[in-house]
Amino acid sequence: GMIRSVSFDGTRFAPPPARFEAGTPHVAGAIGLAAAVDWLEGLDRP
């Protein structure tokens, strides 16, 4: 997930943000985080 290409001669890395998200990400967590932002910003924050 954080690469452009891989060979035994070397690896070319993906640009950010993928470069820093190696492996299977916490997809459900990201969805829950976005839902929390929606919920929080739905409040009258002042």
All heavy atoms as atom14 arrays in JSON, in Angstrom:
{
  "sequence": "GMIRSVSFDGTRFAPPPARFEAGTPHVAGAIGLAAAVDWLEGLDRP",
  "atom14_mask": [
    [1, 1, 1, 1, 0, 0, 0, 0, 0, 0, 0, 0, 0, 0],
    [1, 1, 1, 1, 1, 1, 1, 1, 0, 0, 0, 0, 0, 0],
    [1, 1, 1, 1, 1, 1, 1, 1, 0, 0, 0, 0, 0, 0],
    [1, 1, 1, 1, 1, 1, 1, 1, 1, 1, 1, 0, 0, 0],
    [1, 1, 1, 1, 1, 1, 0, 0, 0, 0, 0, 0, 0, 0],
    [1, 1, 1, 1, 1, 1, 1, 0, 0, 0, 0, 0, 0, 0],
    [1, 1, 1, 1, 1, 1, 0, 0, 0, 0, 0, 0, 0, 0],
    [1, 1, 1, 1, 1, 1, 1, 1, 1, 1, 1, 0, 0, 0],
    [1, 1, 1, 1, 1, 1, 1, 1, 0, 0, 0, 0, 0, 0],
    [1, 1, 1, 1, 0, 0, 0, 0, 0, 0, 0, 0, 0, 0],
    [1, 1, 1, 1, 1, 1, 1, 0, 0, 0, 0, 0, 0, 0],
    [1, 1, 1, 1, 1, 1, 1, 1, 1, 1, 1, 0, 0, 0],
    [1, 1, 1, 1, 1, 1, 1, 1, 1, 1, 1, 0, 0, 0],
    [1, 1, 1, 1, 1, 0, 0, 0, 0, 0, 0, 0, 0, 0],
    [1, 1, 1, 1, 1, 1, 1, 0, 0, 0, 0, 0, 0, 0],
    [1, 1, 1, 1, 1, 1, 1, 0, 0, 0, 0, 0, 0, 0],
    [1, 1, 1, 1, 1, 1, 1, 0, 0, 0, 0, 0, 0, 0],
    [1, 1, 1, 1, 1, 0, 0, 0, 0, 0, 0, 0, 0, 0],
    [1, 1, 1, 1, 1, 1, 1, 1, 1, 1, 1, 0, 0, 0],
    [1, 1, 1, 1, 1, 1, 1, 1, 1, 1, 1, 0, 0, 0],
    [1, 1, 1, 1, 1, 1, 1, 1, 1, 0, 0, 0, 0, 0],
    [1, 1, 1, 1, 1, 0, 0, 0, 0, 0, 0, 0, 0, 0],
    [1, 1, 1, 1, 0, 0, 0, 0, 0, 0, 0, 0, 0, 0],
    [1, 1, 1, 1, 1, 1, 1, 0, 0, 0, 0, 0, 0, 0],
    [1, 1, 1, 1, 1, 1, 1, 0, 0, 0, 0, 0, 0, 0],
    [1, 1, 1, 1, 1, 1, 1, 1, 1, 1, 0, 0, 0, 0],
    [1, 1, 1, 1, 1, 1, 1, 0, 0, 0, 0, 0, 0, 0],
    [1, 1, 1, 1, 1, 0, 0, 0, 0, 0, 0, 0, 0, 0],
    [1, 1, 1, 1, 0, 0, 0, 0, 0, 0, 0, 0, 0, 0],
    [1, 1, 1, 1, 1, 0, 0, 0, 0, 0, 0, 0, 0, 0],
    [1, 1, 1, 1, 1, 1, 1, 1, 0, 0, 0, 0, 0, 0],
    [1, 1, 1, 1, 0, 0, 0, 0, 0, 0, 0, 0, 0, 0],
    [1, 1, 1, 1, 1, 1, 1, 1, 0, 0, 0, 0, 0, 0],
    [1, 1, 1, 1, 1, 0, 0, 0, 0, 0, 0, 0, 0, 0],
    [1, 1, 1, 1, 1, 0, 0, 0, 0, 0, 0, 0, 0, 0],
    [1, 1, 1, 1, 1, 0, 0, 0, 0, 0, 0, 0, 0, 0],
    [1, 1, 1, 1, 1, 1, 1, 0, 0, 0, 0, 0, 0, 0],
    [1, 1, 1, 1, 1, 1, 1, 1, 0, 0, 0, 0, 0, 0],
    [1, 1, 1, 1, 1, 1, 1, 1, 1, 1, 1, 1, 1, 1],
    [1, 1, 1, 1, 1, 1, 1, 1, 0, 0, 0, 0, 0, 0],
    [1, 1, 1, 1, 1, 1, 1, 1, 1, 0, 0, 0, 0, 0],
    [1, 1, 1, 1, 0, 0, 0, 0, 0, 0, 0, 0, 0, 0],
    [1, 1, 1, 1, 1, 1, 1, 1, 0, 0, 0, 0, 0, 0],
    [1, 1, 1, 1, 1, 1, 1, 1, 0, 0, 0, 0, 0, 0],
    [1, 1, 1, 1, 1, 1, 1, 1, 1, 1, 1, 0, 0, 0],
    [1, 1, 1, 1, 1, 1, 1, 0, 0, 0, 0, 0, 0, 0]
  ],
  "atom14_positions": [
    [[0.77, -1.22, 0.0], [0.0, 0.0, 0.0], [0.8, 1.27, 0.0], [0.26, 2.35, -0.26], [0.0, 0.0, 0.0], [0.0, 0.0, 0.0], [0.0, 0.0, 0.0], [0.0, 0.0, 0.0], [0.0, 0.0, 0.0], [0.0, 0.0, 0.0], [0.0, 0.0, 0.0], [0.0, 0.0, 0.0], [0.0, 0.0, 0.0], [0.0, 0.0, 0.0]],
    [[2.13, 1.19, 0.28], [2.92, 2.42, 0.36], [3.98, 2.49, -0.74], [4.93, 3.24, -0.65], [3.58, 2.55, 1.74], [4.29, 1.33, 2.28], [5.9, 0.98, 1.56], [6.84, 2.33, 2.21], [0.0, 0.0, 0.0], [0.0, 0.0, 0.0], [0.0, 0.0, 0.0], [0.0, 0.0, 0.0], [0.0, 0.0, 0.0], [0.0, 0.0, 0.0]],
    [[3.76, 1.74, -1.81], [4.77, 1.64, -2.86], [4.19, 2.03, -4.22], [2.99, 1.98, -4.45], [5.36, 0.21, -2.93], [4.23, -0.84, -3.14], [6.11, -0.1, -1.66], [3.87, -1.15, -4.53], [0.0, 0.0, 0.0], [0.0, 0.0, 0.0], [0.0, 0.0, 0.0], [0.0, 0.0, 0.0], [0.0, 0.0, 0.0], [0.0, 0.0, 0.0]],
    [[5.09, 2.42, -5.11], [4.76, 2.52, -6.54], [5.08, 1.2, -7.23], [4.3, 0.68, -8.02], [5.56, 3.65, -7.18], [5.05, 5.06, -6.9], [5.8, 6.04, -7.78], [5.47, 7.42, -7.49], [4.44, 8.09, -7.98], [3.58, 7.47, -8.78], [4.24, 9.35, -7.68], [0.0, 0.0, 0.0], [0.0, 0.0, 0.0], [0.0, 0.0, 0.0]],
    [[6.27, 0.68, -6.93], [6.68, -0.59, -7.53], [7.74, -1.23, -6.63], [8.46, -0.53, -5.91], [7.26, -0.38, -8.93], [8.44, 0.4, -8.87], [0.0, 0.0, 0.0], [0.0, 0.0, 0.0], [0.0, 0.0, 0.0], [0.0, 0.0, 0.0], [0.0, 0.0, 0.0], [0.0, 0.0, 0.0], [0.0, 0.0, 0.0], [0.0, 0.0, 0.0]],
    [[7.81, -2.56, -6.69], [8.78, -3.31, -5.9], [9.47, -4.33, -6.8], [8.83, -5.02, -7.6], [8.09, -4.06, -4.73], [9.1, -4.93, -3.97], [7.43, -3.08, -3.78], [0.0, 0.0, 0.0], [0.0, 0.0, 0.0], [0.0, 0.0, 0.0], [0.0, 0.0, 0.0], [0.0, 0.0, 0.0], [0.0, 0.0, 0.0], [0.0, 0.0, 0.0]],
    [[10.77, -4.39, -6.69], [11.55, -5.46, -7.31], [12.7, -5.79, -6.37], [12.93, -5.07, -5.38], [12.1, -5.02, -8.67], [13.19, -4.13, -8.51], [0.0, 0.0, 0.0], [0.0, 0.0, 0.0], [0.0, 0.0, 0.0], [0.0, 0.0, 0.0], [0.0, 0.0, 0.0], [0.0, 0.0, 0.0], [0.0, 0.0, 0.0], [0.0, 0.0, 0.0]],
    [[13.42, -6.86, -6.67], [14.56, -7.19, -5.81], [15.74, -6.26, -6.04], [16.72, -6.3, -5.3], [14.97, -8.65, -6.01], [13.97, -9.6, -5.42], [13.18, -10.41, -6.23], [13.8, -9.69, -4.04], [12.25, -11.27, -5.68], [12.88, -10.55, -3.49], [12.1, -11.34, -4.31], [0.0, 0.0, 0.0], [0.0, 0.0, 0.0], [0.0, 0.0, 0.0]],
    [[15.6, -5.4, -7.01], [16.64, -4.37, -7.22], [16.34, -3.1, -6.44], [17.2, -2.24, -6.3], [16.75, -4.04, -8.72], [17.27, -5.21, -9.53], [18.15, -5.93, -9.0], [16.79, -5.41, -10.65], [0.0, 0.0, 0.0], [0.0, 0.0, 0.0], [0.0, 0.0, 0.0], [0.0, 0.0, 0.0], [0.0, 0.0, 0.0], [0.0, 0.0, 0.0]],
    [[15.11, -2.97, -5.93], [14.77, -1.78, -5.17], [13.29, -1.49, -5.23], [12.53, -2.11, -5.99], [0.0, 0.0, 0.0], [0.0, 0.0, 0.0], [0.0, 0.0, 0.0], [0.0, 0.0, 0.0], [0.0, 0.0, 0.0], [0.0, 0.0, 0.0], [0.0, 0.0, 0.0], [0.0, 0.0, 0.0], [0.0, 0.0, 0.0], [0.0, 0.0, 0.0]],
    [[12.87, -0.51, -4.43], [11.47, -0.14, -4.32], [11.3, 1.35, -4.56], [12.1, 2.15, -4.09], [10.93, -0.5, -2.92], [10.95, -1.93, -2.76], [9.51, 0.0, -2.71], [0.0, 0.0, 0.0], [0.0, 0.0, 0.0], [0.0, 0.0, 0.0], [0.0, 0.0, 0.0], [0.0, 0.0, 0.0], [0.0, 0.0, 0.0], [0.0, 0.0, 0.0]],
    [[10.26, 1.7, -5.3], [9.87, 3.09, -5.48], [8.62, 3.33, -4.63], [7.64, 2.58, -4.72], [9.58, 3.39, -6.95], [10.79, 3.26, -7.85], [10.42, 3.36, -9.33], [9.78, 4.64, -9.63], [8.58, 4.77, -10.2], [7.87, 3.68, -10.52], [8.09, 5.98, -10.47], [0.0, 0.0, 0.0], [0.0, 0.0, 0.0], [0.0, 0.0, 0.0]],
    [[8.66, 4.38, -3.81], [7.6, 4.61, -2.84], [6.51, 5.52, -3.4], [6.76, 6.39, -4.24], [8.18, 5.22, -1.56], [9.2, 4.34, -0.9], [10.52, 4.74, -0.8], [8.83, 3.1, -0.4], [11.46, 3.94, -0.2], [9.78, 2.27, 0.2], [11.09, 2.69, 0.3], [0.0, 0.0, 0.0], [0.0, 0.0, 0.0], [0.0, 0.0, 0.0]],
    [[5.3, 5.32, -2.88], [4.17, 6.15, -3.26], [4.32, 7.53, -2.63], [5.03, 7.71, -1.63], [2.88, 5.5, -2.78], [0.0, 0.0, 0.0], [0.0, 0.0, 0.0], [0.0, 0.0, 0.0], [0.0, 0.0, 0.0], [0.0, 0.0, 0.0], [0.0, 0.0, 0.0], [0.0, 0.0, 0.0], [0.0, 0.0, 0.0], [0.0, 0.0, 0.0]],
    [[3.65, 8.53, -3.18], [3.65, 9.85, -2.53], [2.8, 9.82, -1.27], [2.01, 8.88, -1.05], [3.03, 10.74, -3.61], [2.14, 9.83, -4.39], [2.84, 8.5, -4.41], [0.0, 0.0, 0.0], [0.0, 0.0, 0.0], [0.0, 0.0, 0.0], [0.0, 0.0, 0.0], [0.0, 0.0, 0.0], [0.0, 0.0, 0.0], [0.0, 0.0, 0.0]],
    [[2.9, 10.85, -0.43], [2.0, 10.94, 0.73], [0.56, 11.11, 0.26], [0.32, 11.64, -0.82], [2.48, 12.21, 1.44], [3.89, 12.43, 0.95], [3.9, 11.92, -0.47], [0.0, 0.0, 0.0], [0.0, 0.0, 0.0], [0.0, 0.0, 0.0], [0.0, 0.0, 0.0], [0.0, 0.0, 0.0], [0.0, 0.0, 0.0], [0.0, 0.0, 0.0]],
    [[-0.41, 10.63, 1.02], [-0.26, 10.02, 2.34], [-0.01, 8.52, 2.3], [0.33, 7.93, 3.32], [-1.61, 10.32, 2.99], [-2.57, 10.29, 1.83], [-1.83, 10.9, 0.68], [0.0, 0.0, 0.0], [0.0, 0.0, 0.0], [0.0, 0.0, 0.0], [0.0, 0.0, 0.0], [0.0, 0.0, 0.0], [0.0, 0.0, 0.0], [0.0, 0.0, 0.0]],
    [[-0.17, 7.88, 1.12], [-0.03, 6.43, 1.04], [1.34, 5.98, 1.53], [1.47, 4.9, 2.13], [-0.26, 5.95, -0.4], [0.0, 0.0, 0.0], [0.0, 0.0, 0.0], [0.0, 0.0, 0.0], [0.0, 0.0, 0.0], [0.0, 0.0, 0.0], [0.0, 0.0, 0.0], [0.0, 0.0, 0.0], [0.0, 0.0, 0.0], [0.0, 0.0, 0.0]],
    [[2.36, 6.79, 1.31], [3.72, 6.44, 1.72], [3.8, 6.1, 3.21], [4.65, 5.31, 3.63], [4.65, 7.61, 1.42], [6.1, 7.4, 1.82], [6.93, 8.64, 1.56], [6.87, 9.01, 0.15], [7.4, 10.13, -0.35], [7.99, 11.0, 0.46], [7.32, 10.4, -1.63], [0.0, 0.0, 0.0], [0.0, 0.0, 0.0], [0.0, 0.0, 0.0]],
    [[2.91, 6.68, 4.0], [2.96, 6.49, 5.45], [1.85, 5.59, 5.98], [1.65, 5.5, 7.19], [2.89, 7.86, 6.15], [3.94, 8.82, 5.68], [3.6, 9.92, 4.92], [5.27, 8.61, 5.99], [4.56, 10.81, 4.48], [6.25, 9.49, 5.56], [5.9, 10.6, 4.79], [0.0, 0.0, 0.0], [0.0, 0.0, 0.0], [0.0, 0.0, 0.0]],
    [[1.15, 4.9, 5.08], [0.05, 4.04, 5.5], [0.28, 2.61, 5.02], [-0.5, 2.03, 4.27], [-1.29, 4.59, 4.98], [-1.65, 5.94, 5.58], [-2.99, 6.48, 5.09], [-3.7, 5.76, 4.35], [-3.33, 7.63, 5.45], [0.0, 0.0, 0.0], [0.0, 0.0, 0.0], [0.0, 0.0, 0.0], [0.0, 0.0, 0.0], [0.0, 0.0, 0.0]],
    [[1.38, 2.03, 5.48], [1.73, 0.67, 5.08], [0.72, -0.33, 5.63], [0.25, -0.21, 6.77], [3.13, 0.33, 5.58], [0.0, 0.0, 0.0], [0.0, 0.0, 0.0], [0.0, 0.0, 0.0], [0.0, 0.0, 0.0], [0.0, 0.0, 0.0], [0.0, 0.0, 0.0], [0.0, 0.0, 0.0], [0.0, 0.0, 0.0], [0.0, 0.0, 0.0]],
    [[0.41, -1.34, 4.82], [-0.47, -2.4, 5.27], [-1.95, -2.03, 5.16], [-2.32, -0.98, 4.66], [0.0, 0.0, 0.0], [0.0, 0.0, 0.0], [0.0, 0.0, 0.0], [0.0, 0.0, 0.0], [0.0, 0.0, 0.0], [0.0, 0.0, 0.0], [0.0, 0.0, 0.0], [0.0, 0.0, 0.0], [0.0, 0.0, 0.0], [0.0, 0.0, 0.0]],
    [[-2.78, -2.94, 5.64], [-4.22, -2.7, 5.62], [-4.56, -1.62, 6.64], [-4.26, -1.77, 7.82], [-4.99, -3.98, 5.96], [-4.73, -4.96, 4.94], [-6.48, -3.72, 6.04], [0.0, 0.0, 0.0], [0.0, 0.0, 0.0], [0.0, 0.0, 0.0], [0.0, 0.0, 0.0], [0.0, 0.0, 0.0], [0.0, 0.0, 0.0], [0.0, 0.0, 0.0]],
    [[-5.17, -0.54, 6.22], [-5.48, 0.54, 7.16], [-6.7, 0.2, 8.01], [-7.44, -0.74, 7.74], [-5.76, 1.74, 6.25], [-6.27, 1.12, 4.98], [-5.53, -0.19, 4.84], [0.0, 0.0, 0.0], [0.0, 0.0, 0.0], [0.0, 0.0, 0.0], [0.0, 0.0, 0.0], [0.0, 0.0, 0.0], [0.0, 0.0, 0.0], [0.0, 0.0, 0.0]],
    [[-6.9, 1.01, 9.04], [-8.06, 0.86, 9.93], [-9.24, 1.57, 9.26], [-9.63, 2.68, 9.62], [-7.73, 1.48, 11.28], [-8.75, 1.22, 12.35], [-9.88, 0.44, 12.15], [-8.82, 1.64, 13.65], [-10.59, 0.4, 13.26], [-9.96, 1.12, 14.18], [0.0, 0.0, 0.0], [0.0, 0.0, 0.0], [0.0, 0.0, 0.0], [0.0, 0.0, 0.0]],
    [[-9.81, 0.89, 8.26], [-10.87, 1.5, 7.45], [-12.07, 1.86, 8.31], [-12.6, 2.97, 8.24], [-11.28, 0.55, 6.3], [-12.31, 1.22, 5.41], [-10.06, 0.13, 5.49], [0.0, 0.0, 0.0], [0.0, 0.0, 0.0], [0.0, 0.0, 0.0], [0.0, 0.0, 0.0], [0.0, 0.0, 0.0], [0.0, 0.0, 0.0], [0.0, 0.0, 0.0]],
    [[-12.51, 0.91, 9.13], [-13.67, 1.18, 9.98], [-13.39, 2.33, 10.94], [-14.28, 3.15, 11.22], [-14.05, -0.08, 10.76], [0.0, 0.0, 0.0], [0.0, 0.0, 0.0], [0.0, 0.0, 0.0], [0.0, 0.0, 0.0], [0.0, 0.0, 0.0], [0.0, 0.0, 0.0], [0.0, 0.0, 0.0], [0.0, 0.0, 0.0], [0.0, 0.0, 0.0]],
    [[-12.16, 2.4, 11.43], [-11.8, 3.5, 12.33], [-11.87, 4.85, 11.64], [-12.34, 5.84, 12.21], [0.0, 0.0, 0.0], [0.0, 0.0, 0.0], [0.0, 0.0, 0.0], [0.0, 0.0, 0.0], [0.0, 0.0, 0.0], [0.0, 0.0, 0.0], [0.0, 0.0, 0.0], [0.0, 0.0, 0.0], [0.0, 0.0, 0.0], [0.0, 0.0, 0.0]],
    [[-11.37, 4.91, 10.39], [-11.43, 6.17, 9.65], [-12.87, 6.59, 9.4], [-13.23, 7.78, 9.5], [-10.67, 6.03, 8.33], [0.0, 0.0, 0.0], [0.0, 0.0, 0.0], [0.0, 0.0, 0.0], [0.0, 0.0, 0.0], [0.0, 0.0, 0.0], [0.0, 0.0, 0.0], [0.0, 0.0, 0.0], [0.0, 0.0, 0.0], [0.0, 0.0, 0.0]],
    [[-13.72, 5.62, 9.07], [-15.14, 5.91, 8.85], [-15.78, 6.41, 10.15], [-16.55, 7.38, 10.17], [-15.85, 4.66, 8.31], [-15.41, 4.41, 6.86], [-17.36, 4.78, 8.42], [-15.81, 3.05, 6.32], [0.0, 0.0, 0.0], [0.0, 0.0, 0.0], [0.0, 0.0, 0.0], [0.0, 0.0, 0.0], [0.0, 0.0, 0.0], [0.0, 0.0, 0.0]],
    [[-15.45, 5.75, 11.25], [-15.96, 6.19, 12.54], [-15.45, 7.57, 12.93], [-16.19, 8.37, 13.54], [0.0, 0.0, 0.0], [0.0, 0.0, 0.0], [0.0, 0.0, 0.0], [0.0, 0.0, 0.0], [0.0, 0.0, 0.0], [0.0, 0.0, 0.0], [0.0, 0.0, 0.0], [0.0, 0.0, 0.0], [0.0, 0.0, 0.0], [0.0, 0.0, 0.0]],
    [[-14.21, 7.87, 12.59], [-13.64, 9.18, 12.89], [-14.36, 10.27, 12.1], [-14.68, 11.34, 12.64], [-12.14, 9.17, 12.56], [-11.37, 10.47, 12.83], [-11.52, 10.93, 14.28], [-9.88, 10.26, 12.5], [0.0, 0.0, 0.0], [0.0, 0.0, 0.0], [0.0, 0.0, 0.0], [0.0, 0.0, 0.0], [0.0, 0.0, 0.0], [0.0, 0.0, 0.0]],
    [[-14.63, 10.01, 10.83], [-15.38, 10.98, 10.03], [-16.79, 11.18, 10.59], [-17.3, 12.3, 10.63], [-15.44, 10.53, 8.58], [0.0, 0.0, 0.0], [0.0, 0.0, 0.0], [0.0, 0.0, 0.0], [0.0, 0.0, 0.0], [0.0, 0.0, 0.0], [0.0, 0.0, 0.0], [0.0, 0.0, 0.0], [0.0, 0.0, 0.0], [0.0, 0.0, 0.0]],
    [[-17.41, 10.09, 11.04], [-18.75, 10.2, 11.64], [-18.69, 11.02, 12.92], [-19.61, 11.8, 13.21], [-19.31, 8.8, 11.9], [0.0, 0.0, 0.0], [0.0, 0.0, 0.0], [0.0, 0.0, 0.0], [0.0, 0.0, 0.0], [0.0, 0.0, 0.0], [0.0, 0.0, 0.0], [0.0, 0.0, 0.0], [0.0, 0.0, 0.0], [0.0, 0.0, 0.0]],
    [[-17.61, 10.87, 13.7], [-17.46, 11.65, 14.92], [-17.3, 13.14, 14.61], [-17.84, 13.99, 15.32], [-16.25, 11.15, 15.72], [0.0, 0.0, 0.0], [0.0, 0.0, 0.0], [0.0, 0.0, 0.0], [0.0, 0.0, 0.0], [0.0, 0.0, 0.0], [0.0, 0.0, 0.0], [0.0, 0.0, 0.0], [0.0, 0.0, 0.0], [0.0, 0.0, 0.0]],
    [[-16.57, 13.44, 13.54], [-16.44, 14.83, 13.13], [-17.8, 15.39, 12.72], [-18.18, 16.51, 13.1], [-15.42, 14.96, 11.98], [-15.48, 16.35, 11.34], [-14.01, 14.69, 12.5], [0.0, 0.0, 0.0], [0.0, 0.0, 0.0], [0.0, 0.0, 0.0], [0.0, 0.0, 0.0], [0.0, 0.0, 0.0], [0.0, 0.0, 0.0], [0.0, 0.0, 0.0]],
    [[-18.56, 14.62, 11.93], [-19.9, 15.06, 11.55], [-20.76, 15.32, 12.79], [-21.47, 16.33, 12.87], [-20.57, 14.01, 10.67], [-20.06, 14.01, 9.24], [-19.4, 14.99, 8.85], [-20.32, 13.04, 8.52], [0.0, 0.0, 0.0], [0.0, 0.0, 0.0], [0.0, 0.0, 0.0], [0.0, 0.0, 0.0], [0.0, 0.0, 0.0], [0.0, 0.0, 0.0]],
    [[-20.69, 14.4, 13.74], [-21.5, 14.54, 14.95], [-21.06, 15.76, 15.76], [-21.9, 16.57, 16.19], [-21.37, 13.27, 15.8], [-22.2, 13.33, 17.04], [-23.52, 12.99, 17.16], [-21.8, 13.82, 18.32], [-23.96, 13.22, 18.44], [-22.92, 13.73, 19.18], [-20.6, 14.31, 18.84], [-22.88, 14.12, 20.51], [-20.55, 14.7, 20.17], [-21.67, 14.61, 21.0]],
    [[-19.75, 15.9, 15.94], [-19.22, 17.0, 16.75], [-19.55, 18.36, 16.12], [-19.98, 19.29, 16.8], [-17.72, 16.83, 16.9], [-16.97, 17.8, 17.82], [-17.5, 17.72, 19.23], [-15.47, 17.49, 17.79], [0.0, 0.0, 0.0], [0.0, 0.0, 0.0], [0.0, 0.0, 0.0], [0.0, 0.0, 0.0], [0.0, 0.0, 0.0], [0.0, 0.0, 0.0]],
    [[-19.38, 18.45, 14.81], [-19.64, 19.73, 14.15], [-21.13, 19.99, 13.94], [-21.52, 21.09, 13.57], [-18.87, 19.8, 12.83], [-17.36, 19.84, 13.05], [-16.61, 20.48, 11.91], [-17.05, 20.32, 10.75], [-15.59, 21.14, 12.18], [0.0, 0.0, 0.0], [0.0, 0.0, 0.0], [0.0, 0.0, 0.0], [0.0, 0.0, 0.0], [0.0, 0.0, 0.0]],
    [[-21.95, 18.98, 14.2], [-23.39, 19.2, 14.2], [-23.89, 19.87, 15.46], [-25.04, 20.31, 15.51], [0.0, 0.0, 0.0], [0.0, 0.0, 0.0], [0.0, 0.0, 0.0], [0.0, 0.0, 0.0], [0.0, 0.0, 0.0], [0.0, 0.0, 0.0], [0.0, 0.0, 0.0], [0.0, 0.0, 0.0], [0.0, 0.0, 0.0], [0.0, 0.0, 0.0]],
    [[-23.03, 19.92, 16.49], [-23.39, 20.6, 17.73], [-23.26, 22.12, 17.56], [-22.51, 22.59, 16.71], [-22.47, 20.16, 18.87], [-22.47, 18.69, 19.28], [-21.39, 18.47, 20.34], [-23.83, 18.27, 19.82], [0.0, 0.0, 0.0], [0.0, 0.0, 0.0], [0.0, 0.0, 0.0], [0.0, 0.0, 0.0], [0.0, 0.0, 0.0], [0.0, 0.0, 0.0]],
    [[-23.93, 22.84, 18.41], [-23.66, 24.26, 18.58], [-22.42, 24.33, 19.46], [-22.51, 24.28, 20.69], [-24.86, 24.94, 19.23], [-24.64, 26.44, 19.45], [-23.48, 26.88, 19.48], [-25.64, 27.15, 19.6], [0.0, 0.0, 0.0], [0.0, 0.0, 0.0], [0.0, 0.0, 0.0], [0.0, 0.0, 0.0], [0.0, 0.0, 0.0], [0.0, 0.0, 0.0]],
    [[-21.25, 24.41, 18.84], [-20.02, 24.26, 19.61], [-19.78, 25.39, 20.61], [-19.29, 25.12, 21.72], [-18.82, 24.08, 18.67], [-18.92, 22.79, 17.86], [-17.59, 22.32, 17.33], [-16.76, 21.8, 18.4], [-15.5, 21.36, 18.22], [-14.97, 21.43, 17.01], [-14.79, 20.9, 19.22], [0.0, 0.0, 0.0], [0.0, 0.0, 0.0], [0.0, 0.0, 0.0]],
    [[-20.09, 26.64, 20.31], [-19.95, 27.66, 21.36], [-20.83, 27.37, 22.57], [-20.4, 27.55, 23.71], [-20.37, 28.95, 20.64], [-20.04, 28.71, 19.2], [-20.36, 27.25, 18.98], [0.0, 0.0, 0.0], [0.0, 0.0, 0.0], [0.0, 0.0, 0.0], [0.0, 0.0, 0.0], [0.0, 0.0, 0.0], [0.0, 0.0, 0.0], [0.0, 0.0, 0.0]]
  ]
}
